[in-house]
PDB file of N, CA and C in Angstrom:
ATOM      1  N   UNK A   1      22.095 -25.585 191.832  1.00  0.00           N
ATOM      2  CA  UNK A   1      22.350 -24.233 192.260  1.00  0.00           C
ATOM      3  C   UNK A   1      23.489 -23.610 191.453  1.00  0.00           C
ATOM      4  N   UNK A   2      24.520 -24.430 191.176  1.00  0.00           N
ATOM      5  CA  UNK A   2      25.653 -23.936 190.405  1.00  0.00           C
ATOM      6  C   UNK A   2      25.213 -23.512 189.009  1.00  0.00           C
ATOM      7  N   UNK A   3      24.305 -24.296 188.391  1.00  0.00           N
ATOM      8  CA  UNK A   3      23.822 -23.971 187.050  1.00  0.00           C
ATOM      9  C   UNK A   3      23.046 -22.651 187.059  1.00  0.00           C
ATOM     10  N   UNK A   4      22.251 -22.396 188.087  1.00  0.00           N
ATOM     11  CA  UNK A   4      21.493 -21.150 188.187  1.00  0.00           C
ATOM     12  C   UNK A   4      22.441 -19.958 188.270  1.00  0.00           C
ATOM     13  N   UNK A   5      23.520 -20.091 189.079  1.00  0.00           N
ATOM     14  CA  UNK A   5      24.507 -19.006 189.177  1.00  0.00           C
ATOM     15  C   UNK A   5      25.188 -18.757 187.838  1.00  0.00           C
ATOM     16  N   UNK A   6      25.523 -19.826 187.121  1.00  0.00           N
ATOM     17  CA  UNK A   6      26.179 -19.680 185.817  1.00  0.00           C
ATOM     18  C   UNK A   6      25.275 -18.970 184.820  1.00  0.00           C
ATOM     19  N   UNK A   7      23.988 -19.325 184.823  1.00  0.00           N
ATOM     20  CA  UNK A   7      23.044 -18.678 183.914  1.00  0.00           C
ATOM     21  C   UNK A   7      22.884 -17.207 184.280  1.00  0.00           C
ATOM     22  N   UNK A   8      22.796 -16.911 185.585  1.00  0.00           N
ATOM     23  CA  UNK A   8      22.656 -15.521 186.028  1.00  0.00           C
ATOM     24  C   UNK A   8      23.884 -14.709 185.641  1.00  0.00           C
ATOM     25  N   UNK A   9      25.086 -15.271 185.810  1.00  0.00           N
ATOM     26  CA  UNK A   9      26.307 -14.569 185.440  1.00  0.00           C
ATOM     27  C   UNK A   9      26.356 -14.335 183.936  1.00  0.00           C
ATOM     28  N   UNK A  10      26.006 -15.344 183.147  1.00  0.00           N
ATOM     29  CA  UNK A  10      26.008 -15.184 181.692  1.00  0.00           C
ATOM     30  C   UNK A  10      25.020 -14.109 181.265  1.00  0.00           C
ATOM     31  N   UNK A  11      23.845 -14.073 181.890  1.00  0.00           N
ATOM     32  CA  UNK A  11      22.848 -13.048 181.559  1.00  0.00           C
ATOM     33  C   UNK A  11      23.354 -11.666 181.927  1.00  0.00           C
ATOM     34  N   UNK A  12      23.999 -11.543 183.085  1.00  0.00           N
ATOM     35  CA  UNK A  12      24.529 -10.243 183.503  1.00  0.00           C
ATOM     36  C   UNK A  12      25.607  -9.760 182.543  1.00  0.00           C
ATOM     37  N   UNK A  13      26.486 -10.644 182.115  1.00  0.00           N
ATOM     38  CA  UNK A  13      27.534 -10.260 181.166  1.00  0.00           C
ATOM     39  C   UNK A  13      26.939  -9.886 179.817  1.00  0.00           C
ATOM     40  N   UNK A  14      25.900 -10.599 179.364  1.00  0.00           N
ATOM     41  CA  UNK A  14      25.262 -10.270 178.092  1.00  0.00           C
ATOM     42  C   UNK A  14      24.623  -8.895 178.164  1.00  0.00           C
ATOM     43  N   UNK A  15      23.912  -8.597 179.265  1.00  0.00           N
ATOM     44  CA  UNK A  15      23.269  -7.286 179.418  1.00  0.00           C
ATOM     45  C   UNK A  15      24.317  -6.189 179.446  1.00  0.00           C
ATOM     46  N   UNK A  16      25.399  -6.389 180.189  1.00  0.00           N
ATOM     47  CA  UNK A  16      26.446  -5.370 180.265  1.00  0.00           C
ATOM     48  C   UNK A  16      27.063  -5.127 178.897  1.00  0.00           C
ATOM     49  N   UNK A  17      27.277  -6.184 178.131  1.00  0.00           N
ATOM     50  CA  UNK A  17      27.865  -6.024 176.806  1.00  0.00           C
ATOM     51  C   UNK A  17      26.929  -5.371 175.813  1.00  0.00           C
ATOM     52  N   UNK A  18      25.627  -5.621 175.953  1.00  0.00           N
ATOM     53  CA  UNK A  18      24.684  -5.068 174.987  1.00  0.00           C
ATOM     54  C   UNK A  18      24.247  -3.648 175.337  1.00  0.00           C
ATOM     55  N   UNK A  19      24.624  -3.161 176.501  1.00  0.00           N
ATOM     56  CA  UNK A  19      24.187  -1.833 176.927  1.00  0.00           C
ATOM     57  C   UNK A  19      25.090  -0.732 176.391  1.00  0.00           C
ATOM     58  N   UNK A  20      26.133  -1.100 175.688  1.00  0.00           N
ATOM     59  CA  UNK A  20      27.051  -0.076 175.222  1.00  0.00           C
ATOM     60  C   UNK A  20      26.442   0.715 174.079  1.00  0.00           C
ATOM     61  N   UNK A  21      26.554   1.987 174.172  1.00  0.00           N
ATOM     62  CA  UNK A  21      26.130   2.915 173.127  1.00  0.00           C
ATOM     63  C   UNK A  21      27.051   4.121 173.247  1.00  0.00           C
ATOM     64  N   UNK A  22      26.832   5.122 172.450  1.00  0.00           N
ATOM     65  CA  UNK A  22      27.697   6.289 172.527  1.00  0.00           C
ATOM     66  C   UNK A  22      27.373   7.122 173.754  1.00  0.00           C
ATOM     67  N   UNK A  23      28.415   7.654 174.351  1.00  0.00           N
ATOM     68  CA  UNK A  23      28.259   8.635 175.416  1.00  0.00           C
ATOM     69  C   UNK A  23      28.961   9.899 174.969  1.00  0.00           C
ATOM     70  N   UNK A  24      28.342  11.027 175.246  1.00  0.00           N
ATOM     71  CA  UNK A  24      28.913  12.294 174.819  1.00  0.00           C
ATOM     72  C   UNK A  24      28.530  13.389 175.805  1.00  0.00           C
ATOM     73  N   UNK A  25      29.383  14.374 175.944  1.00  0.00           N
ATOM     74  CA  UNK A  25      29.114  15.551 176.768  1.00  0.00           C
ATOM     75  C   UNK A  25      28.870  16.732 175.846  1.00  0.00           C
ATOM     76  N   UNK A  26      27.827  17.509 176.122  1.00  0.00           N
ATOM     77  CA  UNK A  26      27.487  18.658 175.276  1.00  0.00           C
ATOM     78  C   UNK A  26      27.314  19.897 176.142  1.00  0.00           C
ATOM     79  N   UNK A  27      27.925  20.986 175.722  1.00  0.00           N
ATOM     80  CA  UNK A  27      27.777  22.277 176.398  1.00  0.00           C
ATOM     81  C   UNK A  27      27.351  23.305 175.365  1.00  0.00           C
ATOM     82  N   UNK A  28      26.336  24.099 175.697  1.00  0.00           N
ATOM     83  CA  UNK A  28      25.971  25.229 174.838  1.00  0.00           C
ATOM     84  C   UNK A  28      27.079  26.245 175.019  1.00  0.00           C
ATOM     85  N   UNK A  29      27.832  26.471 173.976  1.00  0.00           N
ATOM     86  CA  UNK A  29      29.063  27.241 174.111  1.00  0.00           C
ATOM     87  C   UNK A  29      28.881  28.685 173.685  1.00  0.00           C
ATOM     88  N   UNK A  30      29.530  29.540 174.386  1.00  0.00           N
ATOM     89  CA  UNK A  30      29.712  30.926 173.968  1.00  0.00           C
ATOM     90  C   UNK A  30      31.112  31.318 174.405  1.00  0.00           C
ATOM     91  N   UNK A  31      31.351  32.548 174.721  1.00  0.00           N
ATOM     92  CA  UNK A  31      32.700  32.988 175.060  1.00  0.00           C
ATOM     93  C   UNK A  31      33.221  32.374 176.362  1.00  0.00           C
ATOM     94  N   UNK A  32      32.409  31.725 177.146  1.00  0.00           N
ATOM     95  CA  UNK A  32      32.847  31.147 178.413  1.00  0.00           C
ATOM     96  C   UNK A  32      33.571  29.806 178.231  1.00  0.00           C
ATOM     97  N   UNK A  33      33.497  29.216 177.068  1.00  0.00           N
ATOM     98  CA  UNK A  33      34.192  27.967 176.811  1.00  0.00           C
ATOM     99  C   UNK A  33      33.478  26.755 177.381  1.00  0.00           C
ATOM    100  N   UNK A  34      34.123  25.614 177.289  1.00  0.00           N
ATOM    101  CA  UNK A  34      33.559  24.355 177.775  1.00  0.00           C
ATOM    102  C   UNK A  34      34.388  23.856 178.956  1.00  0.00           C
ATOM    103  N   UNK A  35      33.817  22.982 179.770  1.00  0.00           N
ATOM    104  CA  UNK A  35      34.595  22.389 180.860  1.00  0.00           C
ATOM    105  C   UNK A  35      35.744  21.540 180.310  1.00  0.00           C
ATOM    106  N   UNK A  36      36.717  21.267 181.157  1.00  0.00           N
ATOM    107  CA  UNK A  36      37.820  20.396 180.764  1.00  0.00           C
ATOM    108  C   UNK A  36      37.330  18.949 180.722  1.00  0.00           C
ATOM    109  N   UNK A  37      38.089  18.098 180.062  1.00  0.00           N
ATOM    110  CA  UNK A  37      37.703  16.692 179.916  1.00  0.00           C
ATOM    111  C   UNK A  37      37.608  15.974 181.261  1.00  0.00           C
ATOM    112  N   UNK A  38      38.280  16.471 182.272  1.00  0.00           N
ATOM    113  CA  UNK A  38      38.224  15.841 183.588  1.00  0.00           C
ATOM    114  C   UNK A  38      36.959  16.142 184.366  1.00  0.00           C
ATOM    115  N   UNK A  39      36.154  17.081 183.887  1.00  0.00           N
ATOM    116  CA  UNK A  39      34.936  17.465 184.600  1.00  0.00           C
ATOM    117  C   UNK A  39      33.809  16.505 184.239  1.00  0.00           C
ATOM    118  N   UNK A  40      33.365  15.734 185.210  1.00  0.00           N
ATOM    119  CA  UNK A  40      32.348  14.699 184.988  1.00  0.00           C
ATOM    120  C   UNK A  40      31.000  15.170 185.517  1.00  0.00           C
ATOM    121  N   UNK A  41      30.375  16.090 184.829  1.00  0.00           N
ATOM    122  CA  UNK A  41      29.116  16.674 185.301  1.00  0.00           C
ATOM    123  C   UNK A  41      28.019  15.634 185.458  1.00  0.00           C
ATOM    124  N   UNK A  42      27.953  14.665 184.594  1.00  0.00           N
ATOM    125  CA  UNK A  42      26.936  13.612 184.678  1.00  0.00           C
ATOM    126  C   UNK A  42      27.571  12.277 185.060  1.00  0.00           C
ATOM    127  N   UNK A  43      28.718  12.344 185.711  1.00  0.00           N
ATOM    128  CA  UNK A  43      29.402  11.133 186.132  1.00  0.00           C
ATOM    129  C   UNK A  43      30.292  10.517 185.071  1.00  0.00           C
ATOM    130  N   UNK A  44      30.404  11.153 183.905  1.00  0.00           N
ATOM    131  CA  UNK A  44      31.227  10.622 182.820  1.00  0.00           C
ATOM    132  C   UNK A  44      32.244  11.666 182.386  1.00  0.00           C
ATOM    133  N   UNK A  45      33.485  11.578 182.883  1.00  0.00           N
ATOM    134  CA  UNK A  45      34.490  12.524 182.409  1.00  0.00           C
ATOM    135  C   UNK A  45      34.794  12.266 180.942  1.00  0.00           C
ATOM    136  N   UNK A  46      35.179  13.305 180.246  1.00  0.00           N
ATOM    137  CA  UNK A  46      35.531  13.170 178.837  1.00  0.00           C
ATOM    138  C   UNK A  46      35.435  14.488 178.117  1.00  0.00           C
ATOM    139  N   UNK A  47      35.792  14.465 176.868  1.00  0.00           N
ATOM    140  CA  UNK A  47      35.797  15.664 176.032  1.00  0.00           C
ATOM    141  C   UNK A  47      34.386  16.229 175.934  1.00  0.00           C
ATOM    142  N   UNK A  48      34.293  17.553 175.944  1.00  0.00           N
ATOM    143  CA  UNK A  48      33.005  18.247 175.829  1.00  0.00           C
ATOM    144  C   UNK A  48      32.827  18.785 174.422  1.00  0.00           C
ATOM    145  N   UNK A  49      31.654  18.555 173.842  1.00  0.00           N
ATOM    146  CA  UNK A  49      31.272  19.154 172.568  1.00  0.00           C
ATOM    147  C   UNK A  49      30.777  20.563 172.846  1.00  0.00           C
ATOM    148  N   UNK A  50      31.188  21.502 172.018  1.00  0.00           N
ATOM    149  CA  UNK A  50      30.729  22.884 172.131  1.00  0.00           C
ATOM    150  C   UNK A  50      29.644  23.111 171.088  1.00  0.00           C
ATOM    151  N   UNK A  51      28.385  23.122 171.517  1.00  0.00           N
ATOM    152  CA  UNK A  51      27.277  23.391 170.602  1.00  0.00           C
ATOM    153  C   UNK A  51      27.259  24.883 170.324  1.00  0.00           C
ATOM    154  N   UNK A  52      27.546  25.248 169.094  1.00  0.00           N
ATOM    155  CA  UNK A  52      27.652  26.659 168.727  1.00  0.00           C
ATOM    156  C   UNK A  52      26.313  27.253 168.357  1.00  0.00           C
ATOM    157  N   UNK A  53      25.359  26.414 167.990  1.00  0.00           N
ATOM    158  CA  UNK A  53      23.992  26.846 167.880  1.00  0.00           C
ATOM    159  C   UNK A  53      23.459  27.467 166.622  1.00  0.00           C
ATOM    160  N   UNK A  54      24.119  27.408 165.466  1.00  0.00           N
ATOM    161  CA  UNK A  54      23.435  27.944 164.291  1.00  0.00           C
ATOM    162  C   UNK A  54      22.157  27.144 164.056  1.00  0.00           C
ATOM    163  N   UNK A  55      21.049  27.817 163.984  1.00  0.00           N
ATOM    164  CA  UNK A  55      19.764  27.137 163.869  1.00  0.00           C
ATOM    165  C   UNK A  55      19.670  26.332 162.579  1.00  0.00           C
ATOM    166  N   UNK A  56      19.238  25.072 162.714  1.00  0.00           N
ATOM    167  CA  UNK A  56      19.008  24.214 161.566  1.00  0.00           C
ATOM    168  C   UNK A  56      20.252  23.583 160.973  1.00  0.00           C
ATOM    169  N   UNK A  57      21.406  23.779 161.565  1.00  0.00           N
ATOM    170  CA  UNK A  57      22.660  23.211 161.057  1.00  0.00           C
ATOM    171  C   UNK A  57      23.046  22.011 161.923  1.00  0.00           C
ATOM    172  N   UNK A  58      23.222  20.850 161.297  1.00  0.00           N
ATOM    173  CA  UNK A  58      23.642  19.652 162.029  1.00  0.00           C
ATOM    174  C   UNK A  58      25.111  19.792 162.412  1.00  0.00           C
ATOM    175  N   UNK A  59      25.396  19.617 163.686  1.00  0.00           N
ATOM    176  CA  UNK A  59      26.769  19.691 164.175  1.00  0.00           C
ATOM    177  C   UNK A  59      27.239  18.291 164.546  1.00  0.00           C
ATOM    178  N   UNK A  60      28.421  17.914 164.061  1.00  0.00           N
ATOM    179  CA  UNK A  60      28.993  16.608 164.370  1.00  0.00           C
ATOM    180  C   UNK A  60      29.418  16.561 165.831  1.00  0.00           C
ATOM    181  N   UNK A  61      29.338  15.369 166.411  1.00  0.00           N
ATOM    182  CA  UNK A  61      29.696  15.183 167.811  1.00  0.00           C
ATOM    183  C   UNK A  61      30.910  14.278 167.945  1.00  0.00           C
ATOM    184  N   UNK A  62      31.601  14.416 169.066  1.00  0.00           N
ATOM    185  CA  UNK A  62      32.685  13.509 169.421  1.00  0.00           C
ATOM    186  C   UNK A  62      32.285  12.790 170.698  1.00  0.00           C
ATOM    187  N   UNK A  63      32.852  11.603 170.879  1.00  0.00           N
ATOM    188  CA  UNK A  63      32.597  10.837 172.090  1.00  0.00           C
ATOM    189  C   UNK A  63      33.443  11.344 173.237  1.00  0.00           C
ATOM    190  N   UNK A  64      33.350  10.680 174.365  1.00  0.00           N
ATOM    191  CA  UNK A  64      34.107  11.080 175.542  1.00  0.00           C
ATOM    192  C   UNK A  64      35.609  11.013 175.306  1.00  0.00           C
ATOM    193  N   UNK A  65      36.031  10.157 174.371  1.00  0.00           N
ATOM    194  CA  UNK A  65      37.453  10.012 174.058  1.00  0.00           C
ATOM    195  C   UNK A  65      37.950  11.053 173.060  1.00  0.00           C
ATOM    196  N   UNK A  66      37.063  11.914 172.571  1.00  0.00           N
ATOM    197  CA  UNK A  66      37.448  12.955 171.621  1.00  0.00           C
ATOM    198  C   UNK A  66      37.411  12.517 170.172  1.00  0.00           C
ATOM    199  N   UNK A  67      37.084  11.254 169.918  1.00  0.00           N
ATOM    200  CA  UNK A  67      37.016  10.754 168.546  1.00  0.00           C
ATOM    201  C   UNK A  67      35.617  10.974 167.978  1.00  0.00           C
ATOM    202  N   UNK A  68      35.554  11.224 166.678  1.00  0.00           N
ATOM    203  CA  UNK A  68      34.267  11.456 166.020  1.00  0.00           C
ATOM    204  C   UNK A  68      33.359  10.249 166.166  1.00  0.00           C
ATOM    205  N   UNK A  69      32.061  10.513 166.369  1.00  0.00           N
ATOM    206  CA  UNK A  69      31.050   9.469 166.374  1.00  0.00           C
ATOM    207  C   UNK A  69      30.072   9.787 165.248  1.00  0.00           C
ATOM    208  N   UNK A  70      29.171   8.877 164.975  1.00  0.00           N
ATOM    209  CA  UNK A  70      28.256   9.066 163.844  1.00  0.00           C
ATOM    210  C   UNK A  70      27.121  10.026 164.158  1.00  0.00           C
ATOM    211  N   UNK A  71      26.971  10.405 165.405  1.00  0.00           N
ATOM    212  CA  UNK A  71      25.837  11.229 165.824  1.00  0.00           C
ATOM    213  C   UNK A  71      26.041  12.707 165.505  1.00  0.00           C
ATOM    214  N   UNK A  72      24.915  13.367 165.247  1.00  0.00           N
ATOM    215  CA  UNK A  72      24.896  14.823 165.074  1.00  0.00           C
ATOM    216  C   UNK A  72      23.780  15.397 165.941  1.00  0.00           C
ATOM    217  N   UNK A  73      23.867  16.696 166.204  1.00  0.00           N
ATOM    218  CA  UNK A  73      22.815  17.401 166.926  1.00  0.00           C
ATOM    219  C   UNK A  73      22.446  18.643 166.125  1.00  0.00           C
ATOM    220  N   UNK A  74      21.154  18.911 166.035  1.00  0.00           N
ATOM    221  CA  UNK A  74      20.646  20.092 165.335  1.00  0.00           C
ATOM    222  C   UNK A  74      19.680  20.799 166.271  1.00  0.00           C
ATOM    223  N   UNK A  75      19.846  22.102 166.426  1.00  0.00           N
ATOM    224  CA  UNK A  75      18.905  22.848 167.255  1.00  0.00           C
ATOM    225  C   UNK A  75      18.061  23.748 166.379  1.00  0.00           C
ATOM    226  N   UNK A  76      16.788  23.828 166.721  1.00  0.00           N
ATOM    227  CA  UNK A  76      15.876  24.760 166.059  1.00  0.00           C
ATOM    228  C   UNK A  76      15.061  25.467 167.131  1.00  0.00           C
ATOM    229  N   UNK A  77      14.754  26.707 166.884  1.00  0.00           N
ATOM    230  CA  UNK A  77      13.937  27.487 167.799  1.00  0.00           C
ATOM    231  C   UNK A  77      14.699  28.478 168.642  1.00  0.00           C
ATOM    232  N   UNK A  78      16.010  28.337 168.739  1.00  0.00           N
ATOM    233  CA  UNK A  78      16.804  29.280 169.537  1.00  0.00           C
ATOM    234  C   UNK A  78      17.401  30.334 168.622  1.00  0.00           C
ATOM    235  N   UNK A  79      17.232  31.582 168.996  1.00  0.00           N
ATOM    236  CA  UNK A  79      17.761  32.678 168.194  1.00  0.00           C
ATOM    237  C   UNK A  79      19.255  32.867 168.414  1.00  0.00           C
ATOM    238  N   UNK A  80      19.735  32.539 169.610  1.00  0.00           N
ATOM    239  CA  UNK A  80      21.146  32.769 169.925  1.00  0.00           C
ATOM    240  C   UNK A  80      21.548  31.963 171.151  1.00  0.00           C
ATOM    241  N   UNK A  81      22.851  31.813 171.318  1.00  0.00           N
ATOM    242  CA  UNK A  81      23.405  31.283 172.556  1.00  0.00           C
ATOM    243  C   UNK A  81      24.042  32.462 173.268  1.00  0.00           C
ATOM    244  N   UNK A  82      23.684  32.632 174.510  1.00  0.00           N
ATOM    245  CA  UNK A  82      24.132  33.777 175.286  1.00  0.00           C
ATOM    246  C   UNK A  82      24.781  33.266 176.564  1.00  0.00           C
ATOM    247  N   UNK A  83      25.474  34.133 177.240  1.00  0.00           N
ATOM    248  CA  UNK A  83      26.074  33.777 178.510  1.00  0.00           C
ATOM    249  C   UNK A  83      25.778  34.836 179.556  1.00  0.00           C
ATOM    250  N   UNK A  84      25.956  34.469 180.796  1.00  0.00           N
ATOM    251  CA  UNK A  84      25.757  35.404 181.896  1.00  0.00           C
ATOM    252  C   UNK A  84      26.755  35.055 182.982  1.00  0.00           C
ATOM    253  N   UNK A  85      27.022  35.980 183.865  1.00  0.00           N
ATOM    254  CA  UNK A  85      27.973  35.770 184.949  1.00  0.00           C
ATOM    255  C   UNK A  85      27.208  35.638 186.258  1.00  0.00           C
ATOM    256  N   UNK A  86      27.166  34.431 186.791  1.00  0.00           N
ATOM    257  CA  UNK A  86      26.497  34.196 188.068  1.00  0.00           C
ATOM    258  C   UNK A  86      27.554  34.267 189.169  1.00  0.00           C
ATOM    259  N   UNK A  87      27.358  35.112 190.168  1.00  0.00           N
ATOM    260  CA  UNK A  87      28.389  35.306 191.187  1.00  0.00           C
ATOM    261  C   UNK A  87      28.686  34.069 192.031  1.00  0.00           C
ATOM    262  N   UNK A  88      27.798  33.088 192.057  1.00  0.00           N
ATOM    263  CA  UNK A  88      28.016  31.890 192.868  1.00  0.00           C
ATOM    264  C   UNK A  88      28.664  30.752 192.081  1.00  0.00           C
ATOM    265  N   UNK A  89      28.975  30.976 190.808  1.00  0.00           N
ATOM    266  CA  UNK A  89      29.567  29.925 189.975  1.00  0.00           C
ATOM    267  C   UNK A  89      30.948  30.354 189.513  1.00  0.00           C
ATOM    268  N   UNK A  90      31.851  29.383 189.495  1.00  0.00           N
ATOM    269  CA  UNK A  90      33.167  29.638 188.922  1.00  0.00           C
ATOM    270  C   UNK A  90      33.735  28.327 188.391  1.00  0.00           C
ATOM    271  N   UNK A  91      34.855  28.409 187.721  1.00  0.00           N
ATOM    272  CA  UNK A  91      35.542  27.228 187.212  1.00  0.00           C
ATOM    273  C   UNK A  91      34.710  26.394 186.258  1.00  0.00           C
ATOM    274  N   UNK A  92      34.777  25.074 186.465  1.00  0.00           N
ATOM    275  CA  UNK A  92      34.099  24.129 185.578  1.00  0.00           C
ATOM    276  C   UNK A  92      32.578  24.317 185.597  1.00  0.00           C
ATOM    277  N   UNK A  93      32.024  24.572 186.772  1.00  0.00           N
ATOM    278  CA  UNK A  93      30.574  24.764 186.876  1.00  0.00           C
ATOM    279  C   UNK A  93      30.148  25.971 186.051  1.00  0.00           C
ATOM    280  N   UNK A  94      30.904  27.055 186.128  1.00  0.00           N
ATOM    281  CA  UNK A  94      30.575  28.256 185.348  1.00  0.00           C
ATOM    282  C   UNK A  94      30.680  27.983 183.853  1.00  0.00           C
ATOM    283  N   UNK A  95      31.712  27.243 183.442  1.00  0.00           N
ATOM    284  CA  UNK A  95      31.873  26.937 182.016  1.00  0.00           C
ATOM    285  C   UNK A  95      30.671  26.166 181.482  1.00  0.00           C
ATOM    286  N   UNK A  96      30.094  25.303 182.305  1.00  0.00           N
ATOM    287  CA  UNK A  96      28.951  24.505 181.870  1.00  0.00           C
ATOM    288  C   UNK A  96      27.619  25.235 182.037  1.00  0.00           C
ATOM    289  N   UNK A  97      27.431  25.909 183.148  1.00  0.00           N
ATOM    290  CA  UNK A  97      26.107  26.412 183.510  1.00  0.00           C
ATOM    291  C   UNK A  97      25.826  27.871 183.140  1.00  0.00           C
ATOM    292  N   UNK A  98      26.838  28.636 182.782  1.00  0.00           N
ATOM    293  CA  UNK A  98      26.601  30.052 182.491  1.00  0.00           C
ATOM    294  C   UNK A  98      26.338  30.320 181.012  1.00  0.00           C
ATOM    295  N   UNK A  99      25.787  29.349 180.327  1.00  0.00           N
ATOM    296  CA  UNK A  99      25.375  29.487 178.928  1.00  0.00           C
ATOM    297  C   UNK A  99      23.873  29.258 178.862  1.00  0.00           C
ATOM    298  N   UNK A 100      23.243  29.831 177.859  1.00  0.00           N
ATOM    299  CA  UNK A 100      21.809  29.597 177.688  1.00  0.00           C
ATOM    300  C   UNK A 100      21.410  29.785 176.235  1.00  0.00           C
ATOM    301  N   UNK A 101      20.378  29.063 175.848  1.00  0.00           N
ATOM    302  CA  UNK A 101      19.772  29.240 174.535  1.00  0.00           C
ATOM    303  C   UNK A 101      18.658  30.272 174.673  1.00  0.00           C
ATOM    304  N   UNK A 102      18.658  31.268 173.803  1.00  0.00           N
ATOM    305  CA  UNK A 102      17.619  32.300 173.815  1.00  0.00           C
ATOM    306  C   UNK A 102      16.636  32.046 172.690  1.00  0.00           C
ATOM    307  N   UNK A 103      15.356  32.182 172.999  1.00  0.00           N
ATOM    308  CA  UNK A 103      14.324  31.934 171.998  1.00  0.00           C
ATOM    309  C   UNK A 103      13.187  32.932 172.136  1.00  0.00           C
ATOM    310  N   UNK A 104      12.590  33.257 171.001  1.00  0.00           N
ATOM    311  CA  UNK A 104      11.381  34.074 170.977  1.00  0.00           C
ATOM    312  C   UNK A 104      10.167  33.205 170.668  1.00  0.00           C
ATOM    313  N   UNK A 105      10.377  31.887 170.681  1.00  0.00           N
ATOM    314  CA  UNK A 105       9.337  30.912 170.383  1.00  0.00           C
ATOM    315  C   UNK A 105       9.055  30.086 171.636  1.00  0.00           C
ATOM    316  N   UNK A 106       7.925  29.395 171.692  1.00  0.00           N
ATOM    317  CA  UNK A 106       7.609  28.616 172.895  1.00  0.00           C
ATOM    318  C   UNK A 106       8.456  27.352 173.065  1.00  0.00           C
ATOM    319  N   UNK A 107       9.105  26.880 172.003  1.00  0.00           N
ATOM    320  CA  UNK A 107       9.887  25.651 172.123  1.00  0.00           C
ATOM    321  C   UNK A 107      11.244  25.794 171.453  1.00  0.00           C
ATOM    322  N   UNK A 108      12.185  25.038 171.970  1.00  0.00           N
ATOM    323  CA  UNK A 108      13.497  24.845 171.357  1.00  0.00           C
ATOM    324  C   UNK A 108      13.650  23.337 171.187  1.00  0.00           C
ATOM    325  N   UNK A 109      14.018  22.904 169.993  1.00  0.00           N
ATOM    326  CA  UNK A 109      14.202  21.480 169.722  1.00  0.00           C
ATOM    327  C   UNK A 109      15.679  21.169 169.586  1.00  0.00           C
ATOM    328  N   UNK A 110      16.101  20.090 170.224  1.00  0.00           N
ATOM    329  CA  UNK A 110      17.438  19.537 170.048  1.00  0.00           C
ATOM    330  C   UNK A 110      17.246  18.145 169.465  1.00  0.00           C
ATOM    331  N   UNK A 111      17.595  17.987 168.193  1.00  0.00           N
ATOM    332  CA  UNK A 111      17.392  16.722 167.490  1.00  0.00           C
ATOM    333  C   UNK A 111      18.720  16.002 167.318  1.00  0.00           C
ATOM    334  N   UNK A 112      18.764  14.745 167.764  1.00  0.00           N
ATOM    335  CA  UNK A 112      19.943  13.900 167.611  1.00  0.00           C
ATOM    336  C   UNK A 112      19.680  12.914 166.492  1.00  0.00           C
ATOM    337  N   UNK A 113      20.664  12.709 165.637  1.00  0.00           N
ATOM    338  CA  UNK A 113      20.580  11.704 164.577  1.00  0.00           C
ATOM    339  C   UNK A 113      21.859  10.890 164.568  1.00  0.00           C
ATOM    340  N   UNK A 114      21.745   9.636 164.153  1.00  0.00           N
ATOM    341  CA  UNK A 114      22.911   8.779 163.991  1.00  0.00           C
ATOM    342  C   UNK A 114      23.434   8.147 165.261  1.00  0.00           C
ATOM    343  N   UNK A 115      22.659   8.158 166.345  1.00  0.00           N
ATOM    344  CA  UNK A 115      23.104   7.511 167.579  1.00  0.00           C
ATOM    345  C   UNK A 115      23.032   5.998 167.437  1.00  0.00           C
ATOM    346  N   UNK A 116      24.009   5.296 168.006  1.00  0.00           N
ATOM    347  CA  UNK A 116      23.966   3.838 168.044  1.00  0.00           C
ATOM    348  C   UNK A 116      22.883   3.406 169.017  1.00  0.00           C
ATOM    349  N   UNK A 117      22.294   2.249 168.748  1.00  0.00           N
ATOM    350  CA  UNK A 117      21.306   1.697 169.668  1.00  0.00           C
ATOM    351  C   UNK A 117      21.979   1.268 170.956  1.00  0.00           C
ATOM    352  N   UNK A 118      21.329   1.503 172.055  1.00  0.00           N
ATOM    353  CA  UNK A 118      21.777   1.032 173.362  1.00  0.00           C
ATOM    354  C   UNK A 118      20.784   0.015 173.870  1.00  0.00           C
ATOM    355  N   UNK A 119      20.751  -0.162 175.147  1.00  0.00           N
ATOM    356  CA  UNK A 119      19.830  -1.125 175.749  1.00  0.00           C
ATOM    357  C   UNK A 119      18.473  -0.503 175.959  1.00  0.00           C
TER     358      UNK A 119
END
């Protein structure tokens, strides 16, 4: 029984160690700005990348710690990034949710390159 527990613990530690990959926060930015690093919209507090949206231009990303990572994001199909004022949103939620990509096409593509492999 002790050997089974040891094998299970070793497997759990191996899985936890191999699951690491880059984590990043991205906000479609306009004049409303990005949330602060303490705002954990997806459960991960950290620095927010401001996607400025020039079509077809690869934008470098930073990780949650604010340091550069190898990943980039490129958007195609959106003509502009716009913002709106929703009366029920304020603070961090407004900074994140009151932005939008505008398109005259049926699709908008967000392409990521250079991400590390995860699990």
